N, C-alpha and C. Protein backbone atom coordinates (compact mmCIF):
# COMPACT_ATOMS: atom_id res chain seq x y z
N MET A 1 9.36 -27.88 28.29
CA MET A 1 10.05 -28.97 28.94
C MET A 1 10.14 -30.20 28.03
N ALA A 2 9.05 -30.51 27.31
CA ALA A 2 9.05 -31.69 26.44
C ALA A 2 10.10 -31.58 25.36
N LEU A 3 10.29 -30.38 24.85
CA LEU A 3 11.28 -30.19 23.78
C LEU A 3 12.69 -30.35 24.32
N ALA A 4 12.98 -29.76 25.46
CA ALA A 4 14.32 -29.81 26.03
C ALA A 4 14.75 -31.23 26.37
N ARG A 5 13.83 -32.06 26.77
CA ARG A 5 14.22 -33.41 27.19
C ARG A 5 14.73 -34.26 26.02
N TRP A 6 14.37 -33.92 24.80
CA TRP A 6 14.82 -34.69 23.64
C TRP A 6 16.09 -34.12 23.02
N PHE A 7 16.62 -33.05 23.57
CA PHE A 7 17.81 -32.41 23.01
C PHE A 7 19.09 -33.06 23.53
N SER A 8 19.30 -34.29 23.15
CA SER A 8 20.54 -34.99 23.50
C SER A 8 21.67 -34.34 22.69
N PRO A 9 22.92 -34.57 23.08
CA PRO A 9 24.03 -34.01 22.29
C PRO A 9 23.95 -34.42 20.81
N ASP A 10 23.57 -35.67 20.57
CA ASP A 10 23.44 -36.15 19.19
C ASP A 10 22.36 -35.38 18.44
N MET A 11 21.22 -35.19 19.09
CA MET A 11 20.11 -34.48 18.43
C MET A 11 20.46 -33.01 18.23
N ARG A 12 21.10 -32.39 19.21
CA ARG A 12 21.52 -30.99 19.05
C ARG A 12 22.42 -30.83 17.84
N ALA A 13 23.37 -31.75 17.69
CA ALA A 13 24.29 -31.67 16.55
C ALA A 13 23.53 -31.77 15.23
N ARG A 14 22.54 -32.63 15.17
CA ARG A 14 21.73 -32.76 13.95
C ARG A 14 20.91 -31.50 13.69
N ILE A 15 20.24 -31.02 14.74
CA ILE A 15 19.35 -29.87 14.58
C ILE A 15 20.12 -28.62 14.18
N PHE A 16 21.31 -28.46 14.68
CA PHE A 16 22.09 -27.27 14.37
C PHE A 16 23.14 -27.54 13.30
N SER A 17 22.88 -28.53 12.45
CA SER A 17 23.77 -28.84 11.34
C SER A 17 23.46 -27.93 10.16
N GLU A 18 23.91 -28.32 8.99
CA GLU A 18 23.66 -27.50 7.79
C GLU A 18 22.22 -27.59 7.31
N VAL A 19 21.45 -28.51 7.86
CA VAL A 19 20.04 -28.66 7.50
C VAL A 19 19.20 -27.84 8.49
N GLN A 20 18.34 -26.99 7.96
CA GLN A 20 17.47 -26.19 8.82
C GLN A 20 16.26 -27.01 9.26
N VAL A 21 15.98 -26.95 10.54
CA VAL A 21 14.80 -27.60 11.10
C VAL A 21 14.02 -26.51 11.80
N SER A 22 12.82 -26.25 11.32
CA SER A 22 12.04 -25.15 11.89
C SER A 22 11.55 -25.49 13.30
N TYR A 23 11.24 -24.45 14.03
CA TYR A 23 10.69 -24.64 15.37
C TYR A 23 9.37 -25.40 15.29
N THR A 24 8.61 -25.20 14.24
CA THR A 24 7.35 -25.91 14.07
C THR A 24 7.58 -27.41 14.03
N VAL A 25 8.61 -27.84 13.33
CA VAL A 25 8.93 -29.28 13.26
C VAL A 25 9.36 -29.79 14.63
N LEU A 26 10.20 -29.02 15.31
CA LEU A 26 10.65 -29.45 16.64
C LEU A 26 9.47 -29.54 17.62
N ARG A 27 8.59 -28.56 17.55
CA ARG A 27 7.42 -28.56 18.42
C ARG A 27 6.52 -29.76 18.11
N GLU A 28 6.38 -30.05 16.83
CA GLU A 28 5.57 -31.20 16.41
C GLU A 28 6.19 -32.51 16.91
N ALA A 29 7.51 -32.61 16.85
CA ALA A 29 8.20 -33.81 17.34
C ALA A 29 8.00 -33.96 18.84
N ALA A 30 8.03 -32.84 19.55
CA ALA A 30 7.93 -32.89 21.01
C ALA A 30 6.51 -33.07 21.51
N ARG A 31 5.53 -32.48 20.84
CA ARG A 31 4.17 -32.44 21.38
C ARG A 31 3.10 -33.14 20.55
N ASP A 32 3.39 -33.49 19.31
CA ASP A 32 2.42 -34.16 18.43
C ASP A 32 1.12 -33.36 18.30
N TYR A 33 1.26 -32.06 18.03
CA TYR A 33 0.09 -31.18 17.89
C TYR A 33 -0.84 -31.61 16.75
N SER A 34 -0.29 -32.19 15.71
CA SER A 34 -1.13 -32.58 14.57
C SER A 34 -1.72 -33.98 14.73
N ARG A 35 -1.54 -34.54 15.89
CA ARG A 35 -2.19 -35.80 16.29
C ARG A 35 -1.86 -36.99 15.39
N SER A 36 -0.58 -37.26 15.25
CA SER A 36 -0.19 -38.45 14.48
C SER A 36 -0.47 -39.72 15.26
N GLY A 37 -0.43 -39.61 16.58
CA GLY A 37 -0.61 -40.80 17.41
C GLY A 37 0.66 -41.61 17.55
N MET A 38 1.73 -41.18 16.93
CA MET A 38 3.00 -41.89 16.99
C MET A 38 3.68 -41.59 18.33
N PRO A 39 4.26 -42.59 18.99
CA PRO A 39 4.96 -42.35 20.25
C PRO A 39 6.12 -41.35 20.07
N ASP A 40 6.44 -40.67 21.17
CA ASP A 40 7.49 -39.64 21.14
C ASP A 40 8.78 -40.13 20.49
N HIS A 41 9.30 -41.25 20.96
CA HIS A 41 10.60 -41.71 20.45
C HIS A 41 10.55 -41.99 18.96
N GLN A 42 9.43 -42.45 18.44
CA GLN A 42 9.32 -42.71 17.00
C GLN A 42 9.29 -41.41 16.20
N ARG A 43 8.61 -40.38 16.75
CA ARG A 43 8.60 -39.08 16.06
C ARG A 43 10.02 -38.50 15.99
N TRP A 44 10.77 -38.63 17.09
CA TRP A 44 12.15 -38.12 17.09
C TRP A 44 13.05 -38.96 16.18
N ASP A 45 12.84 -40.27 16.16
CA ASP A 45 13.62 -41.12 15.24
C ASP A 45 13.33 -40.73 13.79
N ALA A 46 12.06 -40.45 13.50
CA ALA A 46 11.69 -40.02 12.15
C ALA A 46 12.39 -38.70 11.80
N LEU A 47 12.46 -37.78 12.75
CA LEU A 47 13.13 -36.51 12.50
C LEU A 47 14.62 -36.72 12.27
N ARG A 48 15.25 -37.56 13.07
CA ARG A 48 16.68 -37.86 12.86
C ARG A 48 16.91 -38.39 11.44
N SER A 49 16.09 -39.33 11.04
CA SER A 49 16.22 -39.91 9.70
C SER A 49 16.02 -38.85 8.61
N MET A 50 15.03 -37.99 8.82
CA MET A 50 14.77 -36.94 7.82
C MET A 50 15.94 -35.96 7.71
N ILE A 51 16.51 -35.59 8.84
CA ILE A 51 17.66 -34.67 8.81
C ILE A 51 18.81 -35.32 8.06
N ASP A 52 19.09 -36.58 8.37
CA ASP A 52 20.18 -37.29 7.70
C ASP A 52 19.94 -37.43 6.20
N SER A 53 18.74 -37.82 5.80
CA SER A 53 18.46 -38.00 4.37
C SER A 53 18.44 -36.65 3.64
N THR A 54 17.95 -35.61 4.31
CA THR A 54 17.94 -34.28 3.70
C THR A 54 19.37 -33.83 3.43
N ALA A 55 20.26 -34.05 4.37
CA ALA A 55 21.67 -33.68 4.19
C ALA A 55 22.31 -34.49 3.07
N ARG A 56 22.04 -35.80 3.04
CA ARG A 56 22.59 -36.66 1.98
C ARG A 56 22.13 -36.22 0.60
N GLU A 57 20.88 -35.77 0.51
CA GLU A 57 20.31 -35.35 -0.78
C GLU A 57 20.74 -33.95 -1.17
N GLY A 58 21.47 -33.26 -0.28
CA GLY A 58 21.94 -31.91 -0.58
C GLY A 58 20.88 -30.84 -0.42
N ARG A 59 19.77 -31.19 0.23
CA ARG A 59 18.74 -30.18 0.48
C ARG A 59 19.08 -29.43 1.76
N LYS A 60 18.40 -28.33 1.98
CA LYS A 60 18.78 -27.45 3.09
C LYS A 60 17.81 -27.42 4.26
N ARG A 61 16.59 -27.97 4.12
CA ARG A 61 15.66 -27.86 5.23
C ARG A 61 14.64 -28.98 5.29
N VAL A 62 14.15 -29.19 6.48
CA VAL A 62 13.06 -30.13 6.73
C VAL A 62 11.83 -29.26 7.01
N THR A 63 10.80 -29.42 6.20
CA THR A 63 9.61 -28.60 6.39
C THR A 63 8.59 -29.33 7.26
N ALA A 64 7.71 -28.55 7.85
CA ALA A 64 6.65 -29.12 8.69
C ALA A 64 5.74 -30.02 7.86
N THR A 65 5.46 -29.63 6.63
CA THR A 65 4.60 -30.44 5.77
C THR A 65 5.24 -31.80 5.51
N GLU A 66 6.54 -31.81 5.19
CA GLU A 66 7.24 -33.07 4.95
C GLU A 66 7.24 -33.94 6.22
N TYR A 67 7.54 -33.30 7.33
CA TYR A 67 7.62 -34.04 8.58
C TYR A 67 6.26 -34.63 8.95
N ARG A 68 5.22 -33.84 8.83
CA ARG A 68 3.87 -34.35 9.16
C ARG A 68 3.50 -35.52 8.26
N SER A 69 3.92 -35.46 7.01
CA SER A 69 3.65 -36.55 6.09
C SER A 69 4.35 -37.83 6.53
N VAL A 70 5.61 -37.70 6.96
CA VAL A 70 6.39 -38.86 7.38
C VAL A 70 5.81 -39.49 8.64
N ILE A 71 5.33 -38.66 9.57
CA ILE A 71 4.81 -39.24 10.82
C ILE A 71 3.32 -39.59 10.71
N GLY A 72 2.73 -39.34 9.55
CA GLY A 72 1.35 -39.75 9.31
C GLY A 72 0.31 -38.91 10.03
N SER A 73 0.59 -37.65 10.22
CA SER A 73 -0.38 -36.79 10.91
C SER A 73 -1.18 -35.98 9.92
N ARG A 74 -2.20 -35.33 10.44
CA ARG A 74 -3.02 -34.50 9.57
C ARG A 74 -2.22 -33.28 9.15
N GLN A 75 -2.45 -32.83 7.95
CA GLN A 75 -1.77 -31.64 7.45
C GLN A 75 -2.48 -30.40 7.97
N ILE A 76 -1.70 -29.42 8.34
CA ILE A 76 -2.23 -28.15 8.84
C ILE A 76 -1.82 -27.09 7.84
N PRO A 77 -2.78 -26.49 7.15
CA PRO A 77 -2.39 -25.50 6.15
C PRO A 77 -1.71 -24.30 6.80
N ASN A 78 -0.64 -23.84 6.18
CA ASN A 78 -0.02 -22.64 6.71
C ASN A 78 -0.78 -21.43 6.18
N GLN A 79 -0.47 -20.29 6.71
CA GLN A 79 -1.22 -19.09 6.36
C GLN A 79 -1.17 -18.81 4.86
N ALA A 80 0.00 -19.00 4.24
CA ALA A 80 0.13 -18.70 2.81
C ALA A 80 -0.72 -19.64 1.96
N SER A 81 -0.77 -20.93 2.32
CA SER A 81 -1.54 -21.86 1.49
C SER A 81 -3.04 -21.66 1.68
N ALA A 82 -3.43 -21.02 2.77
CA ALA A 82 -4.84 -20.78 3.02
C ALA A 82 -5.30 -19.44 2.42
N MET A 83 -4.36 -18.65 1.89
CA MET A 83 -4.69 -17.34 1.33
C MET A 83 -5.10 -17.46 -0.13
N PRO A 84 -6.06 -16.66 -0.56
CA PRO A 84 -6.38 -16.64 -2.00
C PRO A 84 -5.23 -16.02 -2.79
N ALA A 85 -5.14 -16.37 -4.05
CA ALA A 85 -4.04 -15.89 -4.90
C ALA A 85 -3.95 -14.36 -4.90
N GLU A 86 -5.10 -13.70 -4.90
CA GLU A 86 -5.10 -12.23 -4.93
C GLU A 86 -4.40 -11.65 -3.70
N ALA A 87 -4.57 -12.29 -2.55
CA ALA A 87 -3.93 -11.81 -1.33
C ALA A 87 -2.42 -12.01 -1.38
N VAL A 88 -1.99 -13.13 -1.97
CA VAL A 88 -0.55 -13.38 -2.11
C VAL A 88 0.05 -12.34 -3.04
N ILE A 89 -0.60 -12.06 -4.15
CA ILE A 89 -0.11 -11.05 -5.10
C ILE A 89 -0.02 -9.69 -4.42
N LYS A 90 -1.00 -9.37 -3.61
CA LYS A 90 -1.01 -8.09 -2.88
C LYS A 90 0.21 -7.99 -1.96
N LEU A 91 0.60 -9.11 -1.37
CA LEU A 91 1.78 -9.11 -0.50
C LEU A 91 3.05 -8.71 -1.24
N LEU A 92 3.10 -9.01 -2.54
CA LEU A 92 4.29 -8.66 -3.32
C LEU A 92 4.49 -7.15 -3.43
N GLU A 93 3.47 -6.38 -3.13
CA GLU A 93 3.60 -4.93 -3.14
C GLU A 93 4.43 -4.43 -1.96
N ARG A 94 4.54 -5.24 -0.92
CA ARG A 94 5.36 -4.84 0.23
C ARG A 94 6.83 -4.97 -0.14
N PRO A 95 7.62 -3.93 0.07
CA PRO A 95 9.05 -3.97 -0.29
C PRO A 95 9.80 -5.13 0.38
N ASP A 96 9.50 -5.44 1.63
CA ASP A 96 10.23 -6.51 2.31
C ASP A 96 9.90 -7.88 1.71
N VAL A 97 8.64 -8.08 1.32
CA VAL A 97 8.25 -9.35 0.71
C VAL A 97 8.88 -9.47 -0.67
N TRP A 98 8.81 -8.42 -1.45
CA TRP A 98 9.40 -8.43 -2.79
C TRP A 98 10.90 -8.72 -2.70
N GLN A 99 11.58 -8.07 -1.76
CA GLN A 99 13.02 -8.29 -1.61
C GLN A 99 13.32 -9.73 -1.21
N ALA A 100 12.50 -10.30 -0.34
CA ALA A 100 12.70 -11.69 0.07
C ALA A 100 12.52 -12.64 -1.12
N VAL A 101 11.56 -12.36 -1.97
CA VAL A 101 11.34 -13.19 -3.17
C VAL A 101 12.55 -13.08 -4.10
N VAL A 102 12.99 -11.88 -4.35
CA VAL A 102 14.15 -11.67 -5.23
C VAL A 102 15.39 -12.34 -4.65
N ASP A 103 15.62 -12.17 -3.34
CA ASP A 103 16.78 -12.80 -2.70
C ASP A 103 16.73 -14.31 -2.83
N HIS A 104 15.55 -14.88 -2.68
CA HIS A 104 15.41 -16.33 -2.80
C HIS A 104 15.73 -16.79 -4.22
N ILE A 105 15.21 -16.09 -5.19
CA ILE A 105 15.45 -16.45 -6.59
C ILE A 105 16.93 -16.35 -6.93
N VAL A 106 17.58 -15.32 -6.45
CA VAL A 106 19.01 -15.13 -6.72
C VAL A 106 19.84 -16.23 -6.05
N ALA A 107 19.47 -16.58 -4.82
CA ALA A 107 20.26 -17.54 -4.05
C ALA A 107 20.02 -19.00 -4.44
N ASP A 108 18.89 -19.30 -5.03
CA ASP A 108 18.53 -20.70 -5.30
C ASP A 108 18.40 -20.94 -6.80
N PRO A 109 19.43 -21.54 -7.41
CA PRO A 109 19.39 -21.77 -8.87
C PRO A 109 18.18 -22.55 -9.34
N ALA A 110 17.70 -23.49 -8.55
CA ALA A 110 16.53 -24.28 -8.97
C ALA A 110 15.30 -23.39 -9.07
N SER A 111 15.12 -22.49 -8.12
CA SER A 111 13.94 -21.62 -8.18
C SER A 111 14.08 -20.63 -9.33
N ARG A 112 15.30 -20.19 -9.60
CA ARG A 112 15.54 -19.26 -10.72
C ARG A 112 15.11 -19.92 -12.02
N ARG A 113 15.50 -21.17 -12.20
CA ARG A 113 15.13 -21.91 -13.42
C ARG A 113 13.62 -22.06 -13.52
N GLU A 114 12.98 -22.41 -12.40
CA GLU A 114 11.53 -22.59 -12.40
C GLU A 114 10.81 -21.29 -12.74
N VAL A 115 11.25 -20.19 -12.18
CA VAL A 115 10.63 -18.89 -12.46
C VAL A 115 10.79 -18.54 -13.93
N LEU A 116 11.98 -18.74 -14.48
CA LEU A 116 12.20 -18.42 -15.89
C LEU A 116 11.38 -19.31 -16.80
N LEU A 117 11.24 -20.58 -16.46
CA LEU A 117 10.41 -21.47 -17.27
C LEU A 117 8.94 -21.04 -17.24
N ARG A 118 8.46 -20.65 -16.07
CA ARG A 118 7.07 -20.21 -15.96
C ARG A 118 6.84 -18.90 -16.71
N LEU A 119 7.81 -17.99 -16.68
CA LEU A 119 7.67 -16.73 -17.38
C LEU A 119 7.69 -16.90 -18.88
N SER A 120 8.44 -17.91 -19.35
CA SER A 120 8.55 -18.11 -20.80
C SER A 120 7.40 -18.93 -21.36
N ALA A 121 6.57 -19.51 -20.51
CA ALA A 121 5.47 -20.36 -20.98
C ALA A 121 4.31 -19.54 -21.50
């Protein structure tokens, strides 16, 4: 219910624009799970601003980490950041994970450059 009440036509247009906003970010805006202490309307205003600036900068998504930083809440590690490097490497053995990595590198020129620079170092 808390999430639906903030879905004004203006906000819907922003959320479903060319910038991806994860459900985690929307849930955080609606419920303040990470305990920023910021009032609801300020969290939603911050999200509106982030979506607009992300689009202006030509980026494609608003991440939960970025959003939590903007609203001043505690960071919540995601599963991947809490995993040891060996576990992440093991995941690359899964065909679906490997394909997702390859697809990302092919689709994103910046990541392709970063991967090639790291491999050549």
